[in-house]
Protein backbone atom coordinates (compact mmCIF):
# COMPACT_ATOMS: atom_id res chain seq x y z
CA MET A 1 -6.47 -106.75 145.40
CA ALA A 2 -6.07 -109.37 142.87
CA GLU A 3 -5.76 -108.11 139.44
CA THR A 4 -5.14 -109.59 135.73
CA THR A 5 -1.89 -109.11 134.76
CA ALA A 6 -1.01 -111.44 131.85
CA ALA A 7 1.89 -109.72 130.27
CA ALA A 8 4.42 -111.06 127.85
CA SER A 9 7.38 -110.06 126.35
CA ALA A 10 6.97 -108.84 122.73
CA PRO A 11 8.27 -111.05 120.08
CA ALA A 12 10.16 -109.94 116.87
CA ASP A 13 7.01 -110.39 114.71
CA GLY A 14 5.29 -108.12 116.75
CA SER A 15 2.20 -110.63 118.29
CA LYS A 16 1.86 -112.38 121.81
CA THR A 17 0.43 -115.26 122.93
CA CYS A 18 -2.43 -115.81 125.36
CA PRO A 19 -1.63 -117.44 128.45
CA SER A 20 -4.61 -119.48 129.02
CA CYS A 21 -5.60 -120.72 125.54
CA GLY A 22 -2.22 -120.03 123.45
CA ALA A 23 -4.00 -118.17 120.97
CA THR A 24 -1.80 -115.67 118.90
CA LEU A 25 -2.62 -112.04 119.40
CA THR A 26 -1.35 -108.85 118.32
CA TRP A 27 0.80 -107.18 121.03
CA ARG A 28 -1.45 -104.38 121.88
CA ALA A 29 -4.61 -106.71 122.37
CA LYS A 30 -6.03 -106.11 125.91
CA ARG A 31 -7.94 -109.44 125.84
CA CYS A 32 -7.55 -112.59 124.25
CA ARG A 33 -10.35 -112.82 121.30
CA LEU A 34 -10.87 -116.54 122.04
CA CYS A 35 -11.19 -117.19 125.56
CA TYR A 36 -11.44 -113.55 126.60
CA THR A 37 -8.41 -113.80 129.37
CA TRP A 38 -7.90 -109.85 130.20
CA LEU A 39 -4.24 -109.03 129.29
CA GLY A 40 -4.34 -105.29 130.58
CA GLY A 41 -2.76 -104.10 134.06
CA GLU A 42 -5.97 -102.33 135.05
CA PRO A 43 -8.82 -103.73 136.65
CA VAL A 44 -11.02 -105.85 134.64
CA PRO A 45 -13.67 -104.08 133.17
CA PRO A 46 -17.52 -105.31 133.84
CA ARG A 47 -18.09 -105.75 130.08
CA VAL A 48 -14.91 -108.30 129.78
CA VAL A 49 -16.10 -110.31 132.74
CA LYS A 50 -19.66 -110.76 130.84
CA GLN A 51 -17.60 -111.75 127.73
CA ALA A 52 -15.48 -113.84 129.64
CA LEU A 53 -18.47 -115.65 130.84
CA ILE A 54 -19.97 -116.37 127.38
CA ALA A 55 -16.96 -117.67 126.22
CA THR A 56 -16.52 -120.44 129.04
CA ASP A 57 -19.94 -121.21 130.28
CA PHE A 58 -22.36 -123.30 128.03
CA ILE A 59 -25.35 -121.64 130.01
CA ALA A 60 -24.28 -118.30 129.24
CA ALA A 61 -23.29 -119.16 125.62
CA ASP A 62 -26.47 -120.74 124.96
CA ALA A 63 -28.38 -117.54 126.33
CA GLN A 64 -26.17 -115.22 124.25
CA ASN A 65 -26.99 -117.13 121.04
CA ARG A 66 -30.41 -117.40 121.36
CA ARG A 67 -30.33 -113.42 121.59
CA ASN A 68 -28.31 -112.99 118.62
CA THR A 69 -30.55 -115.28 116.74
CA THR A 70 -33.76 -113.22 117.80
CA LEU A 71 -31.83 -110.14 117.02
CA LEU A 72 -31.09 -111.31 113.33
CA ILE A 73 -34.70 -112.77 112.67
CA VAL A 74 -35.72 -109.05 113.62
CA ILE A 75 -33.45 -107.85 111.21
CA VAL A 76 -34.64 -110.08 108.59
CA LEU A 77 -38.16 -108.89 109.35
CA ALA A 78 -37.54 -105.32 109.31
CA LEU A 79 -35.56 -105.70 105.84
CA GLY A 80 -38.62 -107.63 104.50
CA VAL A 81 -41.29 -104.64 105.85
CA GLY A 82 -38.63 -102.16 104.45
CA VAL A 83 -38.75 -103.74 100.93
CA GLY A 84 -42.42 -103.87 100.76
CA TRP A 85 -42.70 -100.43 101.85
CA LEU A 86 -40.13 -99.45 99.40
CA VAL A 87 -41.92 -101.15 96.41
CA GLY A 88 -45.07 -99.54 97.68
CA LEU A 89 -43.83 -95.90 97.55
CA MET A 90 -42.06 -96.87 94.19
CA VAL A 91 -45.28 -97.76 92.63
CA GLU A 92 -46.98 -94.43 93.86
CA ALA A 93 -44.15 -92.31 92.86
CA ALA A 94 -44.20 -94.05 89.07
CA ALA A 95 -48.03 -93.57 89.12
CA THR A 96 -48.15 -89.89 90.09
CA GLY A 97 -44.92 -88.62 88.98
CA LEU A 98 -44.33 -87.13 92.62
CA ALA A 99 -41.90 -88.09 95.20
CA PRO A 100 -44.03 -89.66 97.86
CA ALA A 101 -44.35 -89.13 101.53
CA PHE A 102 -42.51 -91.42 103.81
CA GLY A 103 -45.93 -92.26 105.65
CA SER A 104 -47.96 -92.85 102.63
CA PRO A 105 -50.47 -95.44 102.45
CA SER A 106 -48.80 -97.10 99.56
CA GLY A 107 -45.80 -97.70 101.66
CA VAL A 108 -48.13 -99.06 104.45
CA PHE A 109 -49.87 -101.34 102.08
CA GLY A 110 -46.81 -102.81 100.95
CA ALA A 111 -45.18 -103.57 104.16
CA GLY A 112 -48.56 -105.02 105.42
CA LEU A 113 -48.57 -107.24 102.13
CA PHE A 114 -45.22 -108.54 102.90
CA LEU A 115 -46.21 -109.53 106.47
CA SER A 116 -49.08 -111.06 105.33
CA VAL A 117 -47.86 -113.08 102.56
CA GLY A 118 -44.94 -114.03 104.81
CA LEU A 119 -46.86 -115.32 107.63
CA ILE A 120 -49.09 -117.10 105.36
CA SER A 121 -45.96 -118.93 103.71
CA VAL A 122 -44.32 -119.79 106.97
CA LEU A 123 -47.41 -121.46 108.58
CA VAL A 124 -47.99 -123.67 105.23
CA THR A 125 -44.46 -124.67 105.20
CA LEU A 126 -44.24 -125.56 108.71
CA LEU A 127 -46.94 -128.36 108.13
CA SER A 128 -44.78 -130.05 105.94
CA GLY A 129 -43.17 -133.39 107.11
CA ARG A 130 -39.71 -135.05 107.49
CA ARG A 131 -39.89 -137.46 104.65
CA ALA A 132 -39.14 -135.02 101.71
CA ILE A 133 -35.52 -134.33 103.45
CA LEU A 134 -34.97 -138.09 104.19
CA GLY A 135 -35.69 -138.73 100.47
CA LEU A 136 -33.27 -135.82 99.34
CA THR A 137 -30.39 -137.41 101.04
CA GLY A 138 -30.99 -141.10 100.59
CA ALA A 139 -31.38 -141.70 104.33
CA ALA A 140 -33.01 -144.92 105.28
CA THR A 141 -34.63 -145.49 108.50
CA VAL A 142 -33.32 -148.18 111.10
CA THR A 143 -34.67 -150.25 113.67
CA ALA A 144 -33.08 -150.92 117.33
CA GLU A 145 -32.02 -154.25 115.99
CA GLN A 146 -30.30 -152.90 112.83
CA GLU A 147 -28.39 -150.25 114.90
CA PRO A 148 -28.35 -150.87 118.55
CA VAL A 149 -25.41 -148.62 119.40
CA LEU A 150 -27.09 -145.88 117.36
CA HIS A 151 -30.65 -146.17 119.10
CA ASN A 152 -29.13 -146.56 122.66
CA VAL A 153 -27.12 -143.31 122.38
CA ALA A 154 -30.20 -141.52 120.87
CA GLU A 155 -32.57 -142.77 123.82
CA GLU A 156 -29.96 -141.19 126.29
CA MET A 157 -29.86 -137.94 124.54
CA ALA A 158 -33.80 -137.96 124.13
CA ILE A 159 -33.95 -138.61 127.92
CA ALA A 160 -31.34 -135.77 128.56
CA ALA A 161 -33.19 -133.38 126.16
CA GLY A 162 -36.62 -134.41 127.34
CA LEU A 163 -37.69 -135.30 124.09
CA PRO A 164 -39.39 -138.40 122.50
CA LEU A 165 -36.97 -140.29 120.50
CA PRO A 166 -36.72 -139.34 116.99
CA GLN A 167 -36.88 -141.61 113.90
CA LEU A 168 -33.28 -142.88 113.18
CA ALA A 169 -31.78 -143.16 109.81
CA VAL A 170 -28.66 -143.88 108.22
CA ILE A 171 -26.85 -142.58 105.01
CA GLU A 172 -25.17 -145.62 103.14
CA SER A 173 -21.78 -143.30 102.57
CA PRO A 174 -18.08 -143.44 103.90
CA ALA A 175 -18.14 -139.73 104.63
CA LEU A 176 -18.49 -138.52 108.15
CA ASN A 177 -21.78 -136.19 108.67
CA ALA A 178 -25.11 -136.10 110.22
CA PHE A 179 -28.26 -133.86 110.21
CA ALA A 180 -31.40 -133.47 111.91
CA THR A 181 -35.05 -132.61 110.42
CA GLY A 182 -38.39 -132.11 111.54
CA MET A 183 -40.56 -129.19 112.33
CA ARG A 184 -41.92 -130.57 115.57
CA SER A 185 -40.10 -132.64 118.14
CA ASP A 186 -42.56 -135.52 118.10
CA ARG A 187 -41.81 -135.75 114.29
CA ALA A 188 -38.41 -135.44 113.94
CA ALA A 189 -35.56 -137.62 112.50
CA ILE A 190 -31.93 -137.93 113.06
CA ALA A 191 -29.96 -139.19 110.27
CA VAL A 192 -26.26 -140.26 110.25
CA THR A 193 -23.91 -141.62 107.59
CA ARG A 194 -22.39 -145.17 107.67
CA GLY A 195 -18.92 -143.68 107.70
CA LEU A 196 -19.81 -141.73 111.05
CA LEU A 197 -21.12 -144.90 112.84
CA GLN A 198 -17.93 -146.75 111.64
CA GLY A 199 -15.42 -144.03 112.23
CA LEU A 200 -16.35 -142.50 115.74
CA SER A 201 -16.20 -143.89 119.09
CA ARG A 202 -19.37 -144.31 121.23
CA ASP A 203 -18.27 -140.81 123.07
CA GLU A 204 -18.00 -139.19 119.85
CA LEU A 205 -21.17 -140.49 118.43
CA GLN A 206 -22.90 -139.15 121.56
CA GLY A 207 -21.62 -135.72 121.14
CA VAL A 208 -22.55 -135.79 117.40
CA VAL A 209 -26.02 -137.23 118.13
CA ALA A 210 -26.37 -134.50 121.18
CA HIS A 211 -25.63 -131.84 118.90
CA GLU A 212 -28.12 -132.96 116.31
CA MET A 213 -30.92 -133.44 119.31
CA ALA A 214 -30.00 -130.18 120.15
CA HIS A 215 -31.27 -128.90 117.01
CA ILE A 216 -34.47 -130.62 117.66
CA ARG A 217 -34.67 -129.18 121.01
CA ASN A 218 -33.85 -125.47 120.02
CA LEU A 219 -36.50 -125.77 117.10
CA ASP A 220 -33.68 -124.87 114.59
CA ILE A 221 -35.35 -126.52 111.80
CA ARG A 222 -38.25 -124.12 112.21
CA TYR A 223 -36.11 -121.10 112.54
CA ALA A 224 -34.41 -121.99 109.45
CA THR A 225 -37.31 -122.59 107.36
CA ALA A 226 -38.86 -119.44 108.47
CA VAL A 227 -35.99 -117.29 107.76
CA ALA A 228 -35.34 -119.10 104.51
CA ILE A 229 -38.95 -118.34 103.58
CA LEU A 230 -38.56 -114.42 104.60
CA VAL A 231 -35.29 -114.09 102.46
CA GLY A 232 -37.02 -115.57 99.45
CA LEU A 233 -39.88 -113.28 99.79
CA ILE A 234 -37.51 -110.40 100.03
CA ALA A 235 -35.87 -111.59 96.98
CA LEU A 236 -39.32 -112.02 95.22
CA PHE A 237 -40.54 -108.66 96.37
CA ALA A 238 -37.48 -106.76 95.36
CA ASP A 239 -37.38 -108.59 91.90
CA PHE A 240 -41.03 -107.56 91.27
CA GLY A 241 -40.51 -103.92 92.22
CA VAL A 242 -37.47 -103.78 89.88
CA ARG A 243 -39.53 -105.12 86.92
CA LEU A 244 -42.19 -103.08 87.64
CA MET A 245 -40.31 -100.12 87.13
CA ARG A 246 -39.08 -101.34 83.92
CA VAL A 247 -42.60 -101.85 82.30
CA MET A 248 -44.53 -99.15 84.50
CA PRO A 249 -44.13 -95.87 82.75
CA ALA A 250 -43.75 -92.94 84.75
CA ARG A 251 -46.77 -90.50 84.61
CA SER A 252 -46.20 -86.62 84.51
CA SER A 253 -48.10 -84.38 87.00
CA SER A 254 -49.27 -80.78 86.69
CA SER A 255 -46.65 -79.83 89.18
CA SER A 256 -43.22 -78.48 88.73
CA ARG A 257 -40.38 -80.32 87.04
CA LYS A 258 -38.56 -80.15 90.63
CA ASP A 259 -41.39 -82.42 91.68
CA ASN A 260 -40.99 -84.81 88.96
CA GLY A 261 -37.17 -85.03 89.23
CA GLY A 262 -37.77 -85.79 93.04
CA ALA A 263 -39.95 -88.72 91.92
CA ALA A 264 -37.24 -90.00 89.43
CA LEU A 265 -34.56 -89.93 91.83
CA PHE A 266 -36.48 -91.56 94.53
CA ILE A 267 -37.41 -94.29 91.92
CA VAL A 268 -33.61 -94.77 91.11
CA ILE A 269 -32.61 -94.78 94.55
CA GLY A 270 -35.30 -97.60 95.22
CA VAL A 271 -34.22 -99.80 92.50
CA VAL A 272 -30.66 -99.89 93.65
CA CYS A 273 -31.80 -100.48 97.35
CA LEU A 274 -34.12 -103.62 95.85
CA MET A 275 -31.45 -104.86 94.04
CA LEU A 276 -28.98 -105.09 97.13
CA ALA A 277 -31.80 -105.81 99.68
CA PRO A 278 -31.84 -110.12 98.52
CA PHE A 279 -27.78 -109.74 99.11
CA PHE A 280 -28.22 -108.48 102.62
CA ALA A 281 -30.83 -110.71 103.64
CA MET A 282 -29.10 -113.66 102.37
CA MET A 283 -25.99 -112.74 104.79
CA VAL A 284 -28.33 -112.54 107.41
CA GLN A 285 -29.65 -115.98 106.75
CA PHE A 286 -26.12 -117.31 106.89
CA ALA A 287 -25.45 -115.71 110.18
CA VAL A 288 -28.71 -117.06 111.75
CA SER A 289 -27.30 -120.52 110.33
CA ARG A 290 -23.84 -120.18 112.04
CA GLN A 291 -25.68 -118.75 115.18
CA ARG A 292 -27.68 -122.11 115.60
CA GLU A 293 -24.87 -123.98 115.05
CA PHE A 294 -22.85 -122.46 117.90
CA LEU A 295 -26.04 -123.00 119.95
CA ALA A 296 -26.43 -126.62 119.09
CA ASP A 297 -22.63 -127.05 120.17
CA ALA A 298 -23.54 -125.31 123.54
CA THR A 299 -26.54 -127.33 123.91
CA SER A 300 -24.78 -130.53 123.40
CA VAL A 301 -22.41 -129.81 126.07
CA ARG A 302 -25.50 -129.24 128.48
CA LEU A 303 -26.81 -132.61 127.48
CA THR A 304 -23.84 -134.90 127.71
CA ARG A 305 -21.65 -133.09 130.08
CA ASN A 306 -18.84 -134.08 128.33
CA PRO A 307 -17.37 -131.86 125.56
CA THR A 308 -14.35 -133.57 124.74
CA GLY A 309 -16.73 -136.48 122.72
CA LEU A 310 -17.91 -133.53 120.54
CA ILE A 311 -14.37 -131.83 120.02
CA SER A 312 -12.93 -135.25 119.04
CA ALA A 313 -15.81 -135.91 116.49
CA LEU A 314 -15.48 -132.47 114.87
CA GLU A 315 -11.47 -132.90 114.62
CA LYS A 316 -12.16 -136.04 112.51
CA LEU A 317 -14.96 -134.98 110.52
CA HIS A 318 -12.61 -131.91 109.81
CA ALA A 319 -9.89 -134.17 108.80
CA SER A 320 -12.17 -136.36 106.60
CA THR A 321 -11.54 -136.07 102.85
CA ILE A 322 -14.47 -138.21 101.57
CA GLU A 323 -17.58 -136.10 99.93
CA LEU A 324 -21.00 -136.86 100.89
CA GLU A 325 -22.46 -137.52 97.49
CA ALA A 326 -25.99 -137.48 98.48
CA SER A 327 -25.97 -133.79 99.60
CA ASN A 328 -26.92 -130.70 97.71
CA ARG A 329 -27.25 -127.16 98.35
CA ALA A 330 -31.02 -127.32 99.49
CA VAL A 331 -29.83 -129.08 102.59
CA GLN A 332 -26.22 -128.45 103.10
CA HIS A 333 -27.02 -125.96 106.07
CA MET A 334 -28.78 -128.79 108.12
CA PHE A 335 -25.74 -130.96 108.30
CA ILE A 336 -23.42 -130.74 111.44
CA VAL A 337 -20.53 -129.85 109.06
CA ASN A 338 -21.13 -128.45 105.46
CA PRO A 339 -20.78 -131.47 103.21
CA LEU A 340 -20.04 -129.07 99.85
CA ARG A 341 -17.44 -126.58 100.90
CA ASP A 342 -14.80 -125.98 103.33
CA PHE A 343 -15.17 -122.45 104.05
CA SER A 344 -12.55 -120.10 105.26
CA GLU A 345 -12.05 -118.00 108.44
CA TRP A 346 -12.69 -114.79 106.32
CA SER A 347 -15.76 -116.25 104.11
CA SER A 348 -17.38 -117.44 107.33
CA ASN A 349 -18.15 -114.08 108.00
CA LEU A 350 -20.10 -113.54 104.82
CA ILE A 351 -21.39 -116.45 102.86
CA ALA A 352 -20.62 -119.68 105.09
CA THR A 353 -23.73 -121.68 106.18
CA HIS A 354 -21.46 -122.91 109.04
CA PRO A 355 -18.59 -121.51 111.18
CA PRO A 356 -15.16 -122.74 110.97
CA ILE A 357 -14.93 -125.69 112.81
CA GLU A 358 -11.41 -124.74 114.37
CA ARG A 359 -13.66 -121.90 116.13
CA ARG A 360 -16.20 -124.36 117.04
CA ILE A 361 -13.55 -126.55 118.67
CA GLU A 362 -12.10 -123.55 120.46
CA ARG A 363 -15.35 -122.51 121.91
CA LEU A 364 -16.03 -125.97 123.25
CA ARG A 365 -12.60 -126.05 124.70
CA ASN A 366 -13.29 -122.93 126.49
CA LEU A 367 -16.45 -124.58 127.62
CA GLY A 368 -14.34 -126.88 129.65
CA GLY A 369 -13.45 -129.54 126.88
CA SER A 370 -9.65 -129.10 127.38
CA GLY A 371 -9.47 -130.73 130.30
CA GLU A 372 -7.91 -127.77 132.31
CA VAL A 373 -9.37 -126.43 135.36
CA PRO A 374 -8.99 -122.57 135.24
CA ALA A 375 -8.75 -120.45 138.24
CA GLU A 376 -11.46 -118.63 139.86
CA PRO A 377 -12.32 -115.13 138.72
CA PRO A 378 -11.04 -112.14 140.97
CA ALA A 379 -13.06 -111.79 144.06
CA ASP A 380 -13.67 -108.10 143.26
CA ALA A 381 -14.88 -109.02 140.05
CA PRO A 382 -18.39 -107.40 139.30
CA PRO A 383 -21.41 -109.85 139.07
CA VAL A 384 -22.88 -110.62 135.36
CA PRO A 385 -26.62 -109.78 135.58
CA GLY A 386 -28.71 -112.81 134.81
CA ALA A 387 -25.77 -115.13 134.87
CA THR A 388 -24.20 -117.52 137.22
CA ALA A 389 -20.28 -117.59 137.40
CA THR A 390 -18.83 -120.89 137.07
CA ALA A 391 -15.36 -122.45 137.65
CA SER A 392 -14.79 -122.90 133.85
CA THR A 393 -14.19 -118.94 133.72
CA ARG A 394 -10.55 -118.45 132.42
CA TRP A 395 -8.71 -115.68 134.40
CA ASN A 396 -4.99 -114.80 135.31
CA THR A 397 -4.52 -113.57 138.37
CA GLN A 398 -1.82 -112.53 140.88
CA ALA A 399 -1.71 -110.77 144.20
């Protein structure tokens, strides 16, 4: 029976190299953190089989990123409902001088108020058009006669994605970047910089346009807008609760001092939680943005069937040092690479709107963009529910 036995001699620095992708790992690592090649001597666990499939098959990666995004949005909603509920309980505690019950109508009212205001705000904002974003970046629409290559590539990707051709625009800047905007696929727009048109080959331009077309296809602008509104409302409700506790005098009750002390302690804990809530909500918002970038990369591979184009384009964008002057913090999350700041690997887990380009390139190479044809998985490997194994799954096997 075939088993994965990717063993290596321990170097002096206590690390080892993955035989599939060349990643540097700790000596005790049993699987590669990039391509999920199994490095242990025992049979491959089913969990590792599933992780390897997600890392190397674009269909599985697409599904995994969608699940991650859904989970993150549920977390934002739960956090917002919790903030509304907490503000309601704190108002009751300050008004009555008693520690409120967790199922108090005041808390239910606060949670319901957040959901109602959030739903109305999202619906109103989704009715806005694309012109405001194009105006903020200085993008000007172009015709097929003005930019025939851009229009030809966009038409190919629109057909592949099953979408109407979006409005195309060009930002007159030597920087290399692009973004997509629009709440609906029939009212969307893709903007690229002049530097991108002049600095990329046709295959590289196709990869970038496919990435932006993926944002339209996956409704990422709607996701980003909805999450941003919810995060803003969380900050608004939290600030309202903290300010209300400053101006609202605590009322003494006829109960014992123990009850009054419980109400004061609850208010203090509630204020601390409200002060921290916007920070955690913002972290989740950035995590949603990073997941949608990974999803757009995987969808781009599905549209072009050529990961090398996007890989090469990302390498050029990463190497470019020209800044996009037309960008600002209001639209930085919309670009294919953040035009304002180059985040490190550590900060990408906290405050970055985009994943590190190196990680995005490595994931694309795992999806078949390295030009290598990996071996088939072991014959006795357990099947992955809901996914179809492909030849792109990386394994190291021997009899």
